[in-house]
């Protein structure tokens, strides 16, 4: 059971990281909406200084790196799952 549970959880977390990274890289407005909905709803967070700089290329690069890391995590753990299910 443990051989299936850990890769399954890793695939789920990898998909979440991929969504987060893709939104940060290509759809910053949806990223902010997603972040506000699921992370912290305080009014202090809505006026943070990083929110004004989100359209800078550095944030896009970080988002692309998150998305690539997520693809690696999902593929690696999906291969482990399929190998175990054979």
PDB file of N, CA and C in Angstrom:
ATOM      1  N   UNK A   1       0.819  -1.193   0.000  1.00  0.00           N
ATOM      2  CA  UNK A   1       0.000   0.000   0.000  1.00  0.00           C
ATOM      3  C   UNK A   1       0.869   1.266   0.000  1.00  0.00           C
ATOM      4  N   UNK A   2       1.946   1.231   0.761  1.00  0.00           N
ATOM      5  CA  UNK A   2       2.828   2.391   0.846  1.00  0.00           C
ATOM      6  C   UNK A   2       3.507   2.678  -0.489  1.00  0.00           C
ATOM      7  N   UNK A   3       3.757   1.612  -1.273  1.00  0.00           N
ATOM      8  CA  UNK A   3       4.400   1.783  -2.574  1.00  0.00           C
ATOM      9  C   UNK A   3       3.513   2.544  -3.551  1.00  0.00           C
ATOM     10  N   UNK A   4       2.207   2.530  -3.316  1.00  0.00           N
ATOM     11  CA  UNK A   4       1.274   3.236  -4.184  1.00  0.00           C
ATOM     12  C   UNK A   4       0.937   4.614  -3.628  1.00  0.00           C
ATOM     13  N   UNK A   5       0.853   4.731  -2.311  1.00  0.00           N
ATOM     14  CA  UNK A   5       0.395   5.970  -1.679  1.00  0.00           C
ATOM     15  C   UNK A   5       1.379   7.123  -1.880  1.00  0.00           C
ATOM     16  N   UNK A   6       2.650   6.880  -1.684  1.00  0.00           N
ATOM     17  CA  UNK A   6       3.640   7.955  -1.802  1.00  0.00           C
ATOM     18  C   UNK A   6       3.760   8.502  -3.231  1.00  0.00           C
ATOM     19  N   UNK A   7       3.880   7.649  -4.253  1.00  0.00           N
ATOM     20  CA  UNK A   7       3.909   8.215  -5.615  1.00  0.00           C
ATOM     21  C   UNK A   7       2.598   8.895  -6.005  1.00  0.00           C
ATOM     22  N   UNK A   8       1.475   8.384  -5.523  1.00  0.00           N
ATOM     23  CA  UNK A   8       0.183   9.018  -5.834  1.00  0.00           C
ATOM     24  C   UNK A   8       0.119  10.422  -5.248  1.00  0.00           C
ATOM     25  N   UNK A   9       0.553  10.565  -4.003  1.00  0.00           N
ATOM     26  CA  UNK A   9       0.574  11.885  -3.367  1.00  0.00           C
ATOM     27  C   UNK A   9       1.556  12.809  -4.080  1.00  0.00           C
ATOM     28  N   UNK A  10       2.679  12.254  -4.528  1.00  0.00           N
ATOM     29  CA  UNK A  10       3.663  13.070  -5.250  1.00  0.00           C
ATOM     30  C   UNK A  10       3.124  13.541  -6.599  1.00  0.00           C
ATOM     31  N   UNK A  11       2.363  12.691  -7.268  1.00  0.00           N
ATOM     32  CA  UNK A  11       1.752  13.101  -8.539  1.00  0.00           C
ATOM     33  C   UNK A  11       0.757  14.233  -8.296  1.00  0.00           C
ATOM     34  N   UNK A  12      -0.043  14.117  -7.257  1.00  0.00           N
ATOM     35  CA  UNK A  12      -1.018  15.159  -6.934  1.00  0.00           C
ATOM     36  C   UNK A  12      -0.327  16.483  -6.596  1.00  0.00           C
ATOM     37  N   UNK A  13       0.705  16.424  -5.780  1.00  0.00           N
ATOM     38  CA  UNK A  13       1.443  17.639  -5.442  1.00  0.00           C
ATOM     39  C   UNK A  13       2.163  18.222  -6.659  1.00  0.00           C
ATOM     40  N   UNK A  14       2.665  17.351  -7.526  1.00  0.00           N
ATOM     41  CA  UNK A  14       3.310  17.817  -8.747  1.00  0.00           C
ATOM     42  C   UNK A  14       2.338  18.535  -9.674  1.00  0.00           C
ATOM     43  N   UNK A  15       1.119  18.013  -9.763  1.00  0.00           N
ATOM     44  CA  UNK A  15       0.099  18.681 -10.586  1.00  0.00           C
ATOM     45  C   UNK A  15      -0.232  20.050 -10.002  1.00  0.00           C
ATOM     46  N   UNK A  16      -0.369  20.133  -8.682  1.00  0.00           N
ATOM     47  CA  UNK A  16      -0.643  21.426  -8.041  1.00  0.00           C
ATOM     48  C   UNK A  16       0.497  22.415  -8.280  1.00  0.00           C
ATOM     49  N   UNK A  17       1.729  21.942  -8.165  1.00  0.00           N
ATOM     50  CA  UNK A  17       2.887  22.808  -8.428  1.00  0.00           C
ATOM     51  C   UNK A  17       2.922  23.251  -9.881  1.00  0.00           C
ATOM     52  N   UNK A  18       2.561  22.365 -10.780  1.00  0.00           N
ATOM     53  CA  UNK A  18       2.527  22.716 -12.191  1.00  0.00           C
ATOM     54  C   UNK A  18       1.483  23.775 -12.497  1.00  0.00           C
ATOM     55  N   UNK A  19       0.308  23.655 -11.896  1.00  0.00           N
ATOM     56  CA  UNK A  19      -0.736  24.662 -12.084  1.00  0.00           C
ATOM     57  C   UNK A  19      -0.274  26.002 -11.535  1.00  0.00           C
ATOM     58  N   UNK A  20       0.293  25.976 -10.342  1.00  0.00           N
ATOM     59  CA  UNK A  20       0.774  27.198  -9.694  1.00  0.00           C
ATOM     60  C   UNK A  20       1.859  27.864 -10.539  1.00  0.00           C
ATOM     61  N   UNK A  21       2.813  27.077 -11.027  1.00  0.00           N
ATOM     62  CA  UNK A  21       3.894  27.616 -11.845  1.00  0.00           C
ATOM     63  C   UNK A  21       3.419  28.137 -13.190  1.00  0.00           C
ATOM     64  N   UNK A  22       2.492  27.401 -13.830  1.00  0.00           N
ATOM     65  CA  UNK A  22       1.979  27.847 -15.130  1.00  0.00           C
ATOM     66  C   UNK A  22       1.190  29.143 -14.986  1.00  0.00           C
ATOM     67  N   UNK A  23       0.410  29.247 -13.935  1.00  0.00           N
ATOM     68  CA  UNK A  23      -0.327  30.493 -13.713  1.00  0.00           C
ATOM     69  C   UNK A  23       0.629  31.650 -13.450  1.00  0.00           C
ATOM     70  N   UNK A  24       1.675  31.401 -12.671  1.00  0.00           N
ATOM     71  CA  UNK A  24       2.650  32.449 -12.384  1.00  0.00           C
ATOM     72  C   UNK A  24       3.388  32.882 -13.644  1.00  0.00           C
ATOM     73  N   UNK A  25       3.665  31.944 -14.532  1.00  0.00           N
ATOM     74  CA  UNK A  25       4.423  32.263 -15.738  1.00  0.00           C
ATOM     75  C   UNK A  25       3.580  32.962 -16.801  1.00  0.00           C
ATOM     76  N   UNK A  26       2.341  32.506 -17.003  1.00  0.00           N
ATOM     77  CA  UNK A  26       1.592  32.995 -18.154  1.00  0.00           C
ATOM     78  C   UNK A  26       0.304  33.745 -17.834  1.00  0.00           C
ATOM     79  N   UNK A  27      -0.285  33.531 -16.670  1.00  0.00           N
ATOM     80  CA  UNK A  27      -1.534  34.215 -16.335  1.00  0.00           C
ATOM     81  C   UNK A  27      -1.443  34.764 -14.917  1.00  0.00           C
ATOM     82  N   UNK A  28      -0.766  35.886 -14.771  1.00  0.00           N
ATOM     83  CA  UNK A  28      -0.519  36.445 -13.451  1.00  0.00           C
ATOM     84  C   UNK A  28      -1.809  36.874 -12.751  1.00  0.00           C
ATOM     85  N   UNK A  29      -2.803  37.337 -13.506  1.00  0.00           N
ATOM     86  CA  UNK A  29      -4.062  37.734 -12.888  1.00  0.00           C
ATOM     87  C   UNK A  29      -4.773  36.538 -12.261  1.00  0.00           C
ATOM     88  N   UNK A  30      -4.766  35.397 -12.954  1.00  0.00           N
ATOM     89  CA  UNK A  30      -5.357  34.191 -12.382  1.00  0.00           C
ATOM     90  C   UNK A  30      -4.513  33.645 -11.234  1.00  0.00           C
ATOM     91  N   UNK A  31      -3.193  33.819 -11.319  1.00  0.00           N
ATOM     92  CA  UNK A  31      -2.334  33.408 -10.215  1.00  0.00           C
ATOM     93  C   UNK A  31      -2.689  34.169  -8.949  1.00  0.00           C
ATOM     94  N   UNK A  32      -2.878  35.478  -9.057  1.00  0.00           N
ATOM     95  CA  UNK A  32      -3.234  36.270  -7.882  1.00  0.00           C
ATOM     96  C   UNK A  32      -4.589  35.861  -7.328  1.00  0.00           C
ATOM     97  N   UNK A  33      -5.539  35.572  -8.203  1.00  0.00           N
ATOM     98  CA  UNK A  33      -6.852  35.115  -7.748  1.00  0.00           C
ATOM     99  C   UNK A  33      -6.733  33.771  -7.038  1.00  0.00           C
ATOM    100  N   UNK A  34      -5.976  32.849  -7.624  1.00  0.00           N
ATOM    101  CA  UNK A  34      -5.746  31.529  -7.030  1.00  0.00           C
ATOM    102  C   UNK A  34      -5.051  31.670  -5.679  1.00  0.00           C
ATOM    103  N   UNK A  35      -4.044  32.528  -5.628  1.00  0.00           N
ATOM    104  CA  UNK A  35      -3.290  32.740  -4.398  1.00  0.00           C
ATOM    105  C   UNK A  35      -4.186  33.325  -3.301  1.00  0.00           C
ATOM    106  N   UNK A  36      -5.007  34.293  -3.663  1.00  0.00           N
ATOM    107  CA  UNK A  36      -5.909  34.902  -2.687  1.00  0.00           C
ATOM    108  C   UNK A  36      -6.950  33.909  -2.185  1.00  0.00           C
ATOM    109  N   UNK A  37      -7.387  33.027  -3.055  1.00  0.00           N
ATOM    110  CA  UNK A  37      -8.429  32.080  -2.676  1.00  0.00           C
ATOM    111  C   UNK A  37      -7.905  30.996  -1.753  1.00  0.00           C
ATOM    112  N   UNK A  38      -6.723  30.456  -2.037  1.00  0.00           N
ATOM    113  CA  UNK A  38      -6.268  29.272  -1.329  1.00  0.00           C
ATOM    114  C   UNK A  38      -5.176  29.501  -0.297  1.00  0.00           C
ATOM    115  N   UNK A  39      -4.470  30.600  -0.334  1.00  0.00           N
ATOM    116  CA  UNK A  39      -3.333  30.752   0.570  1.00  0.00           C
ATOM    117  C   UNK A  39      -3.683  31.596   1.782  1.00  0.00           C
ATOM    118  N   UNK A  40      -3.975  32.858   1.572  1.00  0.00           N
ATOM    119  CA  UNK A  40      -4.199  33.743   2.713  1.00  0.00           C
ATOM    120  C   UNK A  40      -5.176  34.827   2.297  1.00  0.00           C
ATOM    121  N   UNK A  41      -6.207  34.999   3.069  1.00  0.00           N
ATOM    122  CA  UNK A  41      -7.238  35.964   2.688  1.00  0.00           C
ATOM    123  C   UNK A  41      -7.132  37.285   3.441  1.00  0.00           C
ATOM    124  N   UNK A  42      -6.045  37.519   4.099  1.00  0.00           N
ATOM    125  CA  UNK A  42      -5.924  38.742   4.884  1.00  0.00           C
ATOM    126  C   UNK A  42      -5.758  39.953   3.971  1.00  0.00           C
ATOM    127  N   UNK A  43      -6.189  41.104   4.445  1.00  0.00           N
ATOM    128  CA  UNK A  43      -6.076  42.325   3.645  1.00  0.00           C
ATOM    129  C   UNK A  43      -4.629  42.800   3.557  1.00  0.00           C
ATOM    130  N   UNK A  44      -3.792  42.407   4.508  1.00  0.00           N
ATOM    131  CA  UNK A  44      -2.376  42.772   4.459  1.00  0.00           C
ATOM    132  C   UNK A  44      -1.722  42.109   3.260  1.00  0.00           C
ATOM    133  N   UNK A  45      -2.059  40.858   3.003  1.00  0.00           N
ATOM    134  CA  UNK A  45      -1.469  40.129   1.888  1.00  0.00           C
ATOM    135  C   UNK A  45      -1.902  40.719   0.551  1.00  0.00           C
ATOM    136  N   UNK A  46      -3.103  41.271   0.468  1.00  0.00           N
ATOM    137  CA  UNK A  46      -3.593  41.840  -0.787  1.00  0.00           C
ATOM    138  C   UNK A  46      -2.882  43.139  -1.159  1.00  0.00           C
ATOM    139  N   UNK A  47      -2.185  43.744  -0.210  1.00  0.00           N
ATOM    140  CA  UNK A  47      -1.469  44.995  -0.487  1.00  0.00           C
ATOM    141  C   UNK A  47       0.046  44.829  -0.380  1.00  0.00           C
ATOM    142  N   UNK A  48       0.529  43.610  -0.478  1.00  0.00           N
ATOM    143  CA  UNK A  48       1.967  43.352  -0.371  1.00  0.00           C
ATOM    144  C   UNK A  48       2.695  43.908  -1.599  1.00  0.00           C
ATOM    145  N   UNK A  49       3.960  44.246  -1.406  1.00  0.00           N
ATOM    146  CA  UNK A  49       4.716  44.890  -2.481  1.00  0.00           C
ATOM    147  C   UNK A  49       5.000  43.944  -3.651  1.00  0.00           C
ATOM    148  N   UNK A  50       5.106  42.631  -3.412  1.00  0.00           N
ATOM    149  CA  UNK A  50       5.418  41.717  -4.494  1.00  0.00           C
ATOM    150  C   UNK A  50       4.285  41.630  -5.509  1.00  0.00           C
ATOM    151  N   UNK A  51       3.051  41.964  -5.102  1.00  0.00           N
ATOM    152  CA  UNK A  51       1.917  41.883  -6.015  1.00  0.00           C
ATOM    153  C   UNK A  51       2.023  42.914  -7.144  1.00  0.00           C
ATOM    154  N   UNK A  52       2.667  44.026  -6.879  1.00  0.00           N
ATOM    155  CA  UNK A  52       2.816  45.062  -7.904  1.00  0.00           C
ATOM    156  C   UNK A  52       3.899  44.694  -8.914  1.00  0.00           C
ATOM    157  N   UNK A  53       4.829  43.841  -8.526  1.00  0.00           N
ATOM    158  CA  UNK A  53       5.954  43.460  -9.391  1.00  0.00           C
ATOM    159  C   UNK A  53       5.739  42.122 -10.086  1.00  0.00           C
ATOM    160  N   UNK A  54       4.540  41.566 -10.024  1.00  0.00           N
ATOM    161  CA  UNK A  54       4.321  40.205 -10.508  1.00  0.00           C
ATOM    162  C   UNK A  54       4.485  40.070 -12.024  1.00  0.00           C
ATOM    163  N   UNK A  55       4.417  41.154 -12.752  1.00  0.00           N
ATOM    164  CA  UNK A  55       4.560  41.083 -14.202  1.00  0.00           C
ATOM    165  C   UNK A  55       6.017  41.197 -14.668  1.00  0.00           C
ATOM    166  N   UNK A  56       6.950  41.210 -13.728  1.00  0.00           N
ATOM    167  CA  UNK A  56       8.370  41.274 -14.088  1.00  0.00           C
ATOM    168  C   UNK A  56       8.836  39.923 -14.614  1.00  0.00           C
ATOM    169  N   UNK A  57       9.875  39.919 -15.453  1.00  0.00           N
ATOM    170  CA  UNK A  57      10.357  38.667 -16.050  1.00  0.00           C
ATOM    171  C   UNK A  57      10.873  37.648 -15.024  1.00  0.00           C
ATOM    172  N   UNK A  58      11.342  38.118 -13.874  1.00  0.00           N
ATOM    173  CA  UNK A  58      11.843  37.188 -12.868  1.00  0.00           C
ATOM    174  C   UNK A  58      10.747  36.248 -12.376  1.00  0.00           C
ATOM    175  N   UNK A  59       9.546  36.770 -12.212  1.00  0.00           N
ATOM    176  CA  UNK A  59       8.439  35.926 -11.763  1.00  0.00           C
ATOM    177  C   UNK A  59       8.035  34.933 -12.848  1.00  0.00           C
ATOM    178  N   UNK A  60       8.102  35.359 -14.094  1.00  0.00           N
ATOM    179  CA  UNK A  60       7.797  34.439 -15.189  1.00  0.00           C
ATOM    180  C   UNK A  60       8.819  33.302 -15.223  1.00  0.00           C
ATOM    181  N   UNK A  61      10.089  33.619 -15.010  1.00  0.00           N
ATOM    182  CA  UNK A  61      11.138  32.593 -15.000  1.00  0.00           C
ATOM    183  C   UNK A  61      10.916  31.604 -13.862  1.00  0.00           C
ATOM    184  N   UNK A  62      10.585  32.105 -12.690  1.00  0.00           N
ATOM    185  CA  UNK A  62      10.313  31.218 -11.553  1.00  0.00           C
ATOM    186  C   UNK A  62       9.107  30.336 -11.854  1.00  0.00           C
ATOM    187  N   UNK A  63       8.088  30.880 -12.476  1.00  0.00           N
ATOM    188  CA  UNK A  63       6.914  30.090 -12.838  1.00  0.00           C
ATOM    189  C   UNK A  63       7.241  28.987 -13.829  1.00  0.00           C
ATOM    190  N   UNK A  64       8.076  29.298 -14.808  1.00  0.00           N
ATOM    191  CA  UNK A  64       8.486  28.280 -15.780  1.00  0.00           C
ATOM    192  C   UNK A  64       9.298  27.192 -15.099  1.00  0.00           C
ATOM    193  N   UNK A  65      10.178  27.569 -14.181  1.00  0.00           N
ATOM    194  CA  UNK A  65      10.958  26.560 -13.448  1.00  0.00           C
ATOM    195  C   UNK A  65      10.061  25.674 -12.589  1.00  0.00           C
ATOM    196  N   UNK A  66       9.059  26.269 -11.934  1.00  0.00           N
ATOM    197  CA  UNK A  66       8.095  25.473 -11.157  1.00  0.00           C
ATOM    198  C   UNK A  66       7.348  24.490 -12.065  1.00  0.00           C
ATOM    199  N   UNK A  67       6.929  24.957 -13.228  1.00  0.00           N
ATOM    200  CA  UNK A  67       6.196  24.096 -14.151  1.00  0.00           C
ATOM    201  C   UNK A  67       7.077  22.948 -14.651  1.00  0.00           C
ATOM    202  N   UNK A  68       8.331  23.233 -14.973  1.00  0.00           N
ATOM    203  CA  UNK A  68       9.240  22.173 -15.420  1.00  0.00           C
ATOM    204  C   UNK A  68       9.538  21.176 -14.308  1.00  0.00           C
ATOM    205  N   UNK A  69       9.728  21.674 -13.101  1.00  0.00           N
ATOM    206  CA  UNK A  69       9.935  20.784 -11.964  1.00  0.00           C
ATOM    207  C   UNK A  69       8.713  19.903 -11.745  1.00  0.00           C
ATOM    208  N   UNK A  70       7.538  20.463 -11.912  1.00  0.00           N
ATOM    209  CA  UNK A  70       6.309  19.700 -11.740  1.00  0.00           C
ATOM    210  C   UNK A  70       6.191  18.599 -12.787  1.00  0.00           C
ATOM    211  N   UNK A  71       6.568  18.902 -14.030  1.00  0.00           N
ATOM    212  CA  UNK A  71       6.526  17.871 -15.072  1.00  0.00           C
ATOM    213  C   UNK A  71       7.460  16.722 -14.711  1.00  0.00           C
ATOM    214  N   UNK A  72       8.646  17.033 -14.237  1.00  0.00           N
ATOM    215  CA  UNK A  72       9.586  15.996 -13.826  1.00  0.00           C
ATOM    216  C   UNK A  72       9.011  15.155 -12.687  1.00  0.00           C
ATOM    217  N   UNK A  73       8.433  15.788 -11.678  1.00  0.00           N
ATOM    218  CA  UNK A  73       7.870  15.071 -10.531  1.00  0.00           C
ATOM    219  C   UNK A  73       6.726  14.162 -10.967  1.00  0.00           C
ATOM    220  N   UNK A  74       5.845  14.687 -11.800  1.00  0.00           N
ATOM    221  CA  UNK A  74       4.684  13.899 -12.231  1.00  0.00           C
ATOM    222  C   UNK A  74       5.122  12.715 -13.089  1.00  0.00           C
ATOM    223  N   UNK A  75       6.009  12.933 -14.030  1.00  0.00           N
ATOM    224  CA  UNK A  75       6.438  11.835 -14.911  1.00  0.00           C
ATOM    225  C   UNK A  75       7.182  10.769 -14.124  1.00  0.00           C
ATOM    226  N   UNK A  76       8.076  11.179 -13.254  1.00  0.00           N
ATOM    227  CA  UNK A  76       8.857  10.215 -12.474  1.00  0.00           C
ATOM    228  C   UNK A  76       7.946   9.354 -11.603  1.00  0.00           C
ATOM    229  N   UNK A  77       7.027   9.978 -10.896  1.00  0.00           N
ATOM    230  CA  UNK A  77       6.166   9.217  -9.987  1.00  0.00           C
ATOM    231  C   UNK A  77       5.078   8.457 -10.725  1.00  0.00           C
ATOM    232  N   UNK A  78       4.643   8.929 -11.868  1.00  0.00           N
ATOM    233  CA  UNK A  78       3.690   8.169 -12.674  1.00  0.00           C
ATOM    234  C   UNK A  78       4.349   6.905 -13.211  1.00  0.00           C
ATOM    235  N   UNK A  79       5.614   7.009 -13.592  1.00  0.00           N
ATOM    236  CA  UNK A  79       6.334   5.811 -14.034  1.00  0.00           C
ATOM    237  C   UNK A  79       6.465   4.807 -12.903  1.00  0.00           C
ATOM    238  N   UNK A  80       6.725   5.275 -11.682  1.00  0.00           N
ATOM    239  CA  UNK A  80       6.786   4.365 -10.531  1.00  0.00           C
ATOM    240  C   UNK A  80       5.439   3.687 -10.290  1.00  0.00           C
ATOM    241  N   UNK A  81       4.359   4.456 -10.415  1.00  0.00           N
ATOM    242  CA  UNK A  81       3.036   3.884 -10.224  1.00  0.00           C
ATOM    243  C   UNK A  81       2.724   2.821 -11.266  1.00  0.00           C
ATOM    244  N   UNK A  82       2.990   3.125 -12.541  1.00  0.00           N
ATOM    245  CA  UNK A  82       2.702   2.171 -13.591  1.00  0.00           C
ATOM    246  C   UNK A  82       3.577   0.925 -13.478  1.00  0.00           C
ATOM    247  N   UNK A  83       4.819   1.091 -13.054  1.00  0.00           N
ATOM    248  CA  UNK A  83       5.699  -0.071 -12.868  1.00  0.00           C
ATOM    249  C   UNK A  83       5.194  -0.949 -11.731  1.00  0.00           C
ATOM    250  N   UNK A  84       4.661  -0.334 -10.696  1.00  0.00           N
ATOM    251  CA  UNK A  84       4.162  -1.113  -9.564  1.00  0.00           C
ATOM    252  C   UNK A  84       2.839  -1.813  -9.896  1.00  0.00           C
ATOM    253  N   UNK A  85       2.047  -1.207 -10.744  1.00  0.00           N
ATOM    254  CA  UNK A  85       0.751  -1.793 -11.074  1.00  0.00           C
ATOM    255  C   UNK A  85       0.864  -2.939 -12.074  1.00  0.00           C
ATOM    256  N   UNK A  86       1.999  -3.087 -12.713  1.00  0.00           N
ATOM    257  CA  UNK A  86       2.190  -4.200 -13.657  1.00  0.00           C
ATOM    258  C   UNK A  86       2.315  -5.455 -12.947  1.00  0.00           C
TER     259      UNK A  86
END
